[in-house]
C-alpha atoms as a PDB file:
ATOM      1  CA  UNK A   1      74.993-180.338 197.308  1.00  0.00           C
ATOM      2  CA  UNK A   2      72.908-178.869 194.956  1.00  0.00           C
ATOM      3  CA  UNK A   3      74.099-175.506 196.643  1.00  0.00           C
ATOM      4  CA  UNK A   4      77.614-176.596 196.342  1.00  0.00           C
ATOM      5  CA  UNK A   5      77.503-177.314 192.843  1.00  0.00           C
ATOM      6  CA  UNK A   6      75.777-174.130 192.088  1.00  0.00           C
ATOM      7  CA  UNK A   7      78.472-171.933 194.026  1.00  0.00           C
ATOM      8  CA  UNK A   8      81.060-173.922 192.534  1.00  0.00           C
ATOM      9  CA  UNK A   9      79.480-172.798 189.012  1.00  0.00           C
ATOM     10  CA  UNK A  10      79.471-169.832 190.110  1.00  0.00           C
ATOM     11  CA  UNK A  11      83.206-169.169 191.188  1.00  0.00           C
ATOM     12  CA  UNK A  12      84.513-170.889 187.867  1.00  0.00           C
ATOM     13  CA  UNK A  13      82.326-168.546 185.929  1.00  0.00           C
ATOM     14  CA  UNK A  14      83.893-165.293 187.743  1.00  0.00           C
ATOM     15  CA  UNK A  15      87.297-166.850 187.209  1.00  0.00           C
ATOM     16  CA  UNK A  16      86.586-167.133 183.524  1.00  0.00           C
ATOM     17  CA  UNK A  17      85.422-163.745 183.333  1.00  0.00           C
ATOM     18  CA  UNK A  18      88.460-162.485 184.986  1.00  0.00           C
ATOM     19  CA  UNK A  19      90.459-164.634 183.023  1.00  0.00           C
ATOM     20  CA  UNK A  20      88.921-163.244 179.388  1.00  0.00           C
ATOM     21  CA  UNK A  21      89.299-159.782 180.883  1.00  0.00           C
ATOM     22  CA  UNK A  22      93.042-160.314 181.301  1.00  0.00           C
ATOM     23  CA  UNK A  23      93.331-161.544 177.525  1.00  0.00           C
ATOM     24  CA  UNK A  24      91.426-159.015 176.262  1.00  0.00           C
ATOM     25  CA  UNK A  25      93.861-156.702 174.230  1.00  0.00           C
ATOM     26  CA  UNK A  26      92.158-153.874 173.146  1.00  0.00           C
ATOM     27  CA  UNK A  27      90.402-153.471 176.355  1.00  0.00           C
ATOM     28  CA  UNK A  28      93.721-154.041 178.193  1.00  0.00           C
ATOM     29  CA  UNK A  29      95.445-151.299 176.023  1.00  0.00           C
ATOM     30  CA  UNK A  30      92.523-149.107 176.390  1.00  0.00           C
ATOM     31  CA  UNK A  31      92.933-149.306 179.959  1.00  0.00           C
ATOM     32  CA  UNK A  32      96.706-148.237 179.749  1.00  0.00           C
ATOM     33  CA  UNK A  33      95.971-145.238 177.708  1.00  0.00           C
ATOM     34  CA  UNK A  34      93.790-144.326 180.186  1.00  0.00           C
ATOM     35  CA  UNK A  35      95.879-144.657 183.102  1.00  0.00           C
ATOM     36  CA  UNK A  36      98.799-142.848 181.175  1.00  0.00           C
ATOM     37  CA  UNK A  37      96.180-139.839 180.581  1.00  0.00           C
ATOM     38  CA  UNK A  38      95.019-139.516 184.296  1.00  0.00           C
ATOM     39  CA  UNK A  39      98.892-139.788 185.517  1.00  0.00           C
ATOM     40  CA  UNK A  40      99.261-137.038 182.576  1.00  0.00           C
ATOM     41  CA  UNK A  41      96.458-134.874 183.818  1.00  0.00           C
ATOM     42  CA  UNK A  42      97.389-134.994 187.533  1.00  0.00           C
ATOM     43  CA  UNK A  43     101.051-134.184 186.806  1.00  0.00           C
ATOM     44  CA  UNK A  44      99.958-131.141 184.627  1.00  0.00           C
ATOM     45  CA  UNK A  45      97.628-130.108 187.171  1.00  0.00           C
ATOM     46  CA  UNK A  46     100.378-130.008 189.920  1.00  0.00           C
ATOM     47  CA  UNK A  47     103.534-129.033 188.122  1.00  0.00           C
ATOM     48  CA  UNK A  48     102.583-128.037 184.273  1.00  0.00           C
ATOM     49  CA  UNK A  49     106.526-127.093 184.198  1.00  0.00           C
ATOM     50  CA  UNK A  50     107.633-130.724 184.394  1.00  0.00           C
ATOM     51  CA  UNK A  51     105.313-131.359 182.024  1.00  0.00           C
ATOM     52  CA  UNK A  52     106.670-128.778 179.675  1.00  0.00           C
ATOM     53  CA  UNK A  53     110.501-129.371 179.982  1.00  0.00           C
ATOM     54  CA  UNK A  54     109.842-132.996 179.876  1.00  0.00           C
ATOM     55  CA  UNK A  55     108.088-132.316 175.958  1.00  0.00           C
ATOM     56  CA  UNK A  56     110.948-129.932 175.345  1.00  0.00           C
ATOM     57  CA  UNK A  57     113.677-132.366 176.142  1.00  0.00           C
ATOM     58  CA  UNK A  58     111.675-135.130 174.236  1.00  0.00           C
ATOM     59  CA  UNK A  59     111.381-132.694 171.008  1.00  0.00           C
ATOM     60  CA  UNK A  60     115.234-132.014 171.296  1.00  0.00           C
ATOM     61  CA  UNK A  61     116.421-135.683 171.475  1.00  0.00           C
ATOM     62  CA  UNK A  62     114.257-136.624 168.399  1.00  0.00           C
ATOM     63  CA  UNK A  63     115.290-133.456 166.516  1.00  0.00           C
ATOM     64  CA  UNK A  64     119.043-134.472 167.659  1.00  0.00           C
ATOM     65  CA  UNK A  65     118.358-138.245 166.342  1.00  0.00           C
ATOM     66  CA  UNK A  66     117.120-136.864 162.834  1.00  0.00           C
ATOM     67  CA  UNK A  67     120.088-134.181 162.564  1.00  0.00           C
ATOM     68  CA  UNK A  68     122.410-137.146 163.655  1.00  0.00           C
ATOM     69  CA  UNK A  69     121.006-139.800 160.951  1.00  0.00           C
ATOM     70  CA  UNK A  70     121.453-137.182 158.053  1.00  0.00           C
ATOM     71  CA  UNK A  71     125.060-136.127 159.259  1.00  0.00           C
ATOM     72  CA  UNK A  72     125.684-139.927 159.081  1.00  0.00           C
ATOM     73  CA  UNK A  73     124.289-140.526 155.367  1.00  0.00           C
END
């Protein structure tokens, strides 16, 4: 019986640790940033042209939005 109680306590502790980990917003944000950085690095190594083309498209879109906003004034 005692071993069952200890086993249940350990499972509960693991569950609470998992819940705490999921609810830790700064830790989850760091994890997301790390995953995005890894994906970017992998893409940049495999096909850097796609990365530079995407960056150029983002810059052009941002410039277009700024120009559109200035014209609308």
